[in-house]
Amino acid sequence: MEDRITIIEGPTPVFEPVSDGWALGLNETSAFSFTALTRLRTFNGPALVERCHRQWRKNEPINLHYRNEIGLEETAPILAARALDTDDGQMLLLWLHVERDDVELEIDTDDSDEEDFDE
């Protein structure tokens, strides 16, 4: 289908929070969501990016269609796309609009630099 990019096999995509200024501007909405980046291996990255551009030129949305950790189908709107050639093959970078309930974020709290204030 033209209105989605589907992950046929493989693990659930990893959603990384985005902190780049340009990407933060993609998510202007009143919903509790955030912009996330996912990196996918593919055989046809430029064709998938072109599919996104065709939908956006028609002012139509395009979604990433995938299975979550428990096997249920989910979708996330694609906000931006880029294809890269790497040493391991083609990689598709997708910036997505992800609902906060859909993602579990891991926050690194390294307390090794803090001083002890025991009296």
C-alpha atoms as a PDB file:
ATOM      1  CA  MET A   1       0.000   0.000   0.000  1.00  0.00           C
ATOM      2  CA  GLU A   2       1.149   3.504  -0.754  1.00  0.00           C
ATOM      3  CA  ASP A   3       0.032   4.978   2.589  1.00  0.00           C
ATOM      4  CA  ARG A   4       2.329   2.893   4.783  1.00  0.00           C
ATOM      5  CA  ILE A   5       5.717   1.331   5.204  1.00  0.00           C
ATOM      6  CA  THR A   6       5.353  -2.099   6.745  1.00  0.00           C
ATOM      7  CA  ILE A   7       7.935  -4.025   8.720  1.00  0.00           C
ATOM      8  CA  ILE A   8       7.377  -7.567   7.500  1.00  0.00           C
ATOM      9  CA  GLU A   9       9.788  -9.415   9.732  1.00  0.00           C
ATOM     10  CA  GLY A  10      12.288  -8.648  12.437  1.00  0.00           C
ATOM     11  CA  PRO A  11      12.076  -7.187  15.903  1.00  0.00           C
ATOM     12  CA  THR A  12       9.902  -4.313  17.043  1.00  0.00           C
ATOM     13  CA  PRO A  13      11.549  -1.037  16.032  1.00  0.00           C
ATOM     14  CA  VAL A  14      13.545   0.840  18.648  1.00  0.00           C
ATOM     15  CA  PHE A  15      12.286   4.398  19.114  1.00  0.00           C
ATOM     16  CA  GLU A  16      14.953   6.903  20.117  1.00  0.00           C
ATOM     17  CA  PRO A  17      13.893  10.287  21.527  1.00  0.00           C
ATOM     18  CA  VAL A  18      14.957  13.147  19.276  1.00  0.00           C
ATOM     19  CA  SER A  19      16.717  16.231  20.607  1.00  0.00           C
ATOM     20  CA  ASP A  20      17.675  17.940  17.319  1.00  0.00           C
ATOM     21  CA  GLY A  21      16.057  21.352  17.010  1.00  0.00           C
ATOM     22  CA  TRP A  22      14.753  20.841  13.470  1.00  0.00           C
ATOM     23  CA  ALA A  23      13.151  17.491  14.389  1.00  0.00           C
ATOM     24  CA  LEU A  24      11.502  18.861  17.532  1.00  0.00           C
ATOM     25  CA  GLY A  25       9.644  21.328  15.311  1.00  0.00           C
ATOM     26  CA  LEU A  26       8.000  18.417  13.476  1.00  0.00           C
ATOM     27  CA  ASN A  27       5.856  17.605  16.493  1.00  0.00           C
ATOM     28  CA  GLU A  28       3.578  20.550  16.993  1.00  0.00           C
ATOM     29  CA  THR A  29       0.452  19.018  18.488  1.00  0.00           C
ATOM     30  CA  SER A  30      -1.650  19.258  21.615  1.00  0.00           C
ATOM     31  CA  ALA A  31      -1.455  15.485  22.229  1.00  0.00           C
ATOM     32  CA  PHE A  32       1.016  13.959  24.681  1.00  0.00           C
ATOM     33  CA  SER A  33       3.464  12.580  22.171  1.00  0.00           C
ATOM     34  CA  PHE A  34       6.998  13.072  20.992  1.00  0.00           C
ATOM     35  CA  THR A  35       9.147  12.818  17.923  1.00  0.00           C
ATOM     36  CA  ALA A  36      11.195   9.636  17.788  1.00  0.00           C
ATOM     37  CA  LEU A  37      13.796   8.278  15.399  1.00  0.00           C
ATOM     38  CA  THR A  38      13.947   4.652  14.310  1.00  0.00           C
ATOM     39  CA  ARG A  39      16.616   3.032  12.160  1.00  0.00           C
ATOM     40  CA  LEU A  40      15.566   0.183   9.872  1.00  0.00           C
ATOM     41  CA  ARG A  41      17.612  -2.034   7.593  1.00  0.00           C
ATOM     42  CA  THR A  42      16.156  -2.239   4.101  1.00  0.00           C
ATOM     43  CA  PHE A  43      16.883  -3.303   0.546  1.00  0.00           C
ATOM     44  CA  ASN A  44      15.122  -0.330  -1.073  1.00  0.00           C
ATOM     45  CA  GLY A  45      15.632   2.779   1.071  1.00  0.00           C
ATOM     46  CA  PRO A  46      15.434   5.390  -1.718  1.00  0.00           C
ATOM     47  CA  ALA A  47      12.166   3.867  -3.024  1.00  0.00           C
ATOM     48  CA  LEU A  48      10.653   4.005   0.465  1.00  0.00           C
ATOM     49  CA  VAL A  49      11.693   7.632   0.890  1.00  0.00           C
ATOM     50  CA  GLU A  50      10.139   8.389  -2.504  1.00  0.00           C
ATOM     51  CA  ARG A  51       6.901   6.708  -1.355  1.00  0.00           C
ATOM     52  CA  CYS A  52       6.854   9.117   1.607  1.00  0.00           C
ATOM     53  CA  HIS A  53       7.453  12.102  -0.673  1.00  0.00           C
ATOM     54  CA  ARG A  54       4.618  11.069  -3.008  1.00  0.00           C
ATOM     55  CA  GLN A  55       2.165  10.937  -0.084  1.00  0.00           C
ATOM     56  CA  TRP A  56       3.344  14.255   1.344  1.00  0.00           C
ATOM     57  CA  ARG A  57       3.069  15.970  -2.058  1.00  0.00           C
ATOM     58  CA  LYS A  58      -0.597  14.918  -2.064  1.00  0.00           C
ATOM     59  CA  ASN A  59      -0.922  16.264   1.523  1.00  0.00           C
ATOM     60  CA  GLU A  60      -1.660  12.714   2.663  1.00  0.00           C
ATOM     61  CA  PRO A  61      -0.169  10.988   5.711  1.00  0.00           C
ATOM     62  CA  ILE A  62       2.076   7.938   5.571  1.00  0.00           C
ATOM     63  CA  ASN A  63       2.536   5.567   8.507  1.00  0.00           C
ATOM     64  CA  LEU A  64       5.001   2.999   9.755  1.00  0.00           C
ATOM     65  CA  HIS A  65       3.114  -0.255  10.290  1.00  0.00           C
ATOM     66  CA  TYR A  66       4.766  -2.671  12.744  1.00  0.00           C
ATOM     67  CA  ARG A  67       4.154  -5.206  15.500  1.00  0.00           C
ATOM     68  CA  ASN A  68       4.813  -4.217  19.103  1.00  0.00           C
ATOM     69  CA  GLU A  69       6.615  -6.370  21.682  1.00  0.00           C
ATOM     70  CA  ILE A  70       3.530  -8.511  22.344  1.00  0.00           C
ATOM     71  CA  GLY A  71       2.713  -8.991  18.670  1.00  0.00           C
ATOM     72  CA  LEU A  72      -0.111  -6.471  18.255  1.00  0.00           C
ATOM     73  CA  GLU A  73      -0.157  -4.337  15.105  1.00  0.00           C
ATOM     74  CA  GLU A  74       0.504  -0.635  15.567  1.00  0.00           C
ATOM     75  CA  THR A  75       1.071   2.390  13.367  1.00  0.00           C
ATOM     76  CA  ALA A  76       2.952   5.643  13.804  1.00  0.00           C
ATOM     77  CA  PRO A  77       2.808   8.640  11.447  1.00  0.00           C
ATOM     78  CA  ILE A  78       6.072   9.255   9.569  1.00  0.00           C
ATOM     79  CA  LEU A  79       7.193  12.881   9.790  1.00  0.00           C
ATOM     80  CA  ALA A  80      10.490  12.673   7.865  1.00  0.00           C
ATOM     81  CA  ALA A  81      12.528   9.985   6.097  1.00  0.00           C
ATOM     82  CA  ARG A  82      16.087   9.517   4.885  1.00  0.00           C
ATOM     83  CA  ALA A  83      17.903   6.613   3.240  1.00  0.00           C
ATOM     84  CA  LEU A  84      21.589   5.928   3.911  1.00  0.00           C
ATOM     85  CA  ASP A  85      24.110   3.516   2.459  1.00  0.00           C
ATOM     86  CA  THR A  86      26.219   1.920   5.198  1.00  0.00           C
ATOM     87  CA  ASP A  87      28.879  -0.783   5.263  1.00  0.00           C
ATOM     88  CA  ASP A  88      26.127  -3.205   6.370  1.00  0.00           C
ATOM     89  CA  GLY A  89      23.721  -2.250   3.575  1.00  0.00           C
ATOM     90  CA  GLN A  90      20.944   0.306   3.207  1.00  0.00           C
ATOM     91  CA  MET A  91      19.449   1.940   6.263  1.00  0.00           C
ATOM     92  CA  LEU A  92      16.159   3.826   6.450  1.00  0.00           C
ATOM     93  CA  LEU A  93      15.898   6.564   9.057  1.00  0.00           C
ATOM     94  CA  LEU A  94      12.338   7.490   9.996  1.00  0.00           C
ATOM     95  CA  TRP A  95      11.265  10.306  12.272  1.00  0.00           C
ATOM     96  CA  LEU A  96       7.879   9.422  13.738  1.00  0.00           C
ATOM     97  CA  HIS A  97       5.097  10.916  15.803  1.00  0.00           C
ATOM     98  CA  VAL A  98       4.840   8.447  18.698  1.00  0.00           C
ATOM     99  CA  GLU A  99       2.231   8.467  21.450  1.00  0.00           C
ATOM    100  CA  ARG A 100       3.784   8.436  24.921  1.00  0.00           C
ATOM    101  CA  ASP A 101       1.794   5.337  25.945  1.00  0.00           C
ATOM    102  CA  ASP A 102       3.370   3.378  23.058  1.00  0.00           C
ATOM    103  CA  VAL A 103       6.990   3.813  24.096  1.00  0.00           C
ATOM    104  CA  GLU A 104       9.049   2.926  27.102  1.00  0.00           C
ATOM    105  CA  LEU A 105      11.993   5.272  27.534  1.00  0.00           C
ATOM    106  CA  GLU A 106      15.129   4.369  29.408  1.00  0.00           C
ATOM    107  CA  ILE A 107      16.728   7.196  31.345  1.00  0.00           C
ATOM    108  CA  ASP A 108      20.342   6.838  32.446  1.00  0.00           C
ATOM    109  CA  THR A 109      20.771   8.127  35.987  1.00  0.00           C
ATOM    110  CA  ASP A 110      24.452   7.789  36.662  1.00  0.00           C
ATOM    111  CA  ASP A 111      24.991   8.965  40.238  1.00  0.00           C
ATOM    112  CA  SER A 112      28.751   8.366  40.188  1.00  0.00           C
ATOM    113  CA  ASP A 113      29.553  12.087  39.828  1.00  0.00           C
ATOM    114  CA  GLU A 114      27.439  13.201  42.780  1.00  0.00           C
ATOM    115  CA  GLU A 115      29.026  13.819  46.143  1.00  0.00           C
ATOM    116  CA  ASP A 116      27.763  12.178  49.309  1.00  0.00           C
ATOM    117  CA  PHE A 117      26.197  14.703  51.641  1.00  0.00           C
ATOM    118  CA  ASP A 118      26.068  12.462  54.715  1.00  0.00           C
ATOM    119  CA  GLU A 119      26.678  14.226  57.973  1.00  0.00           C
END
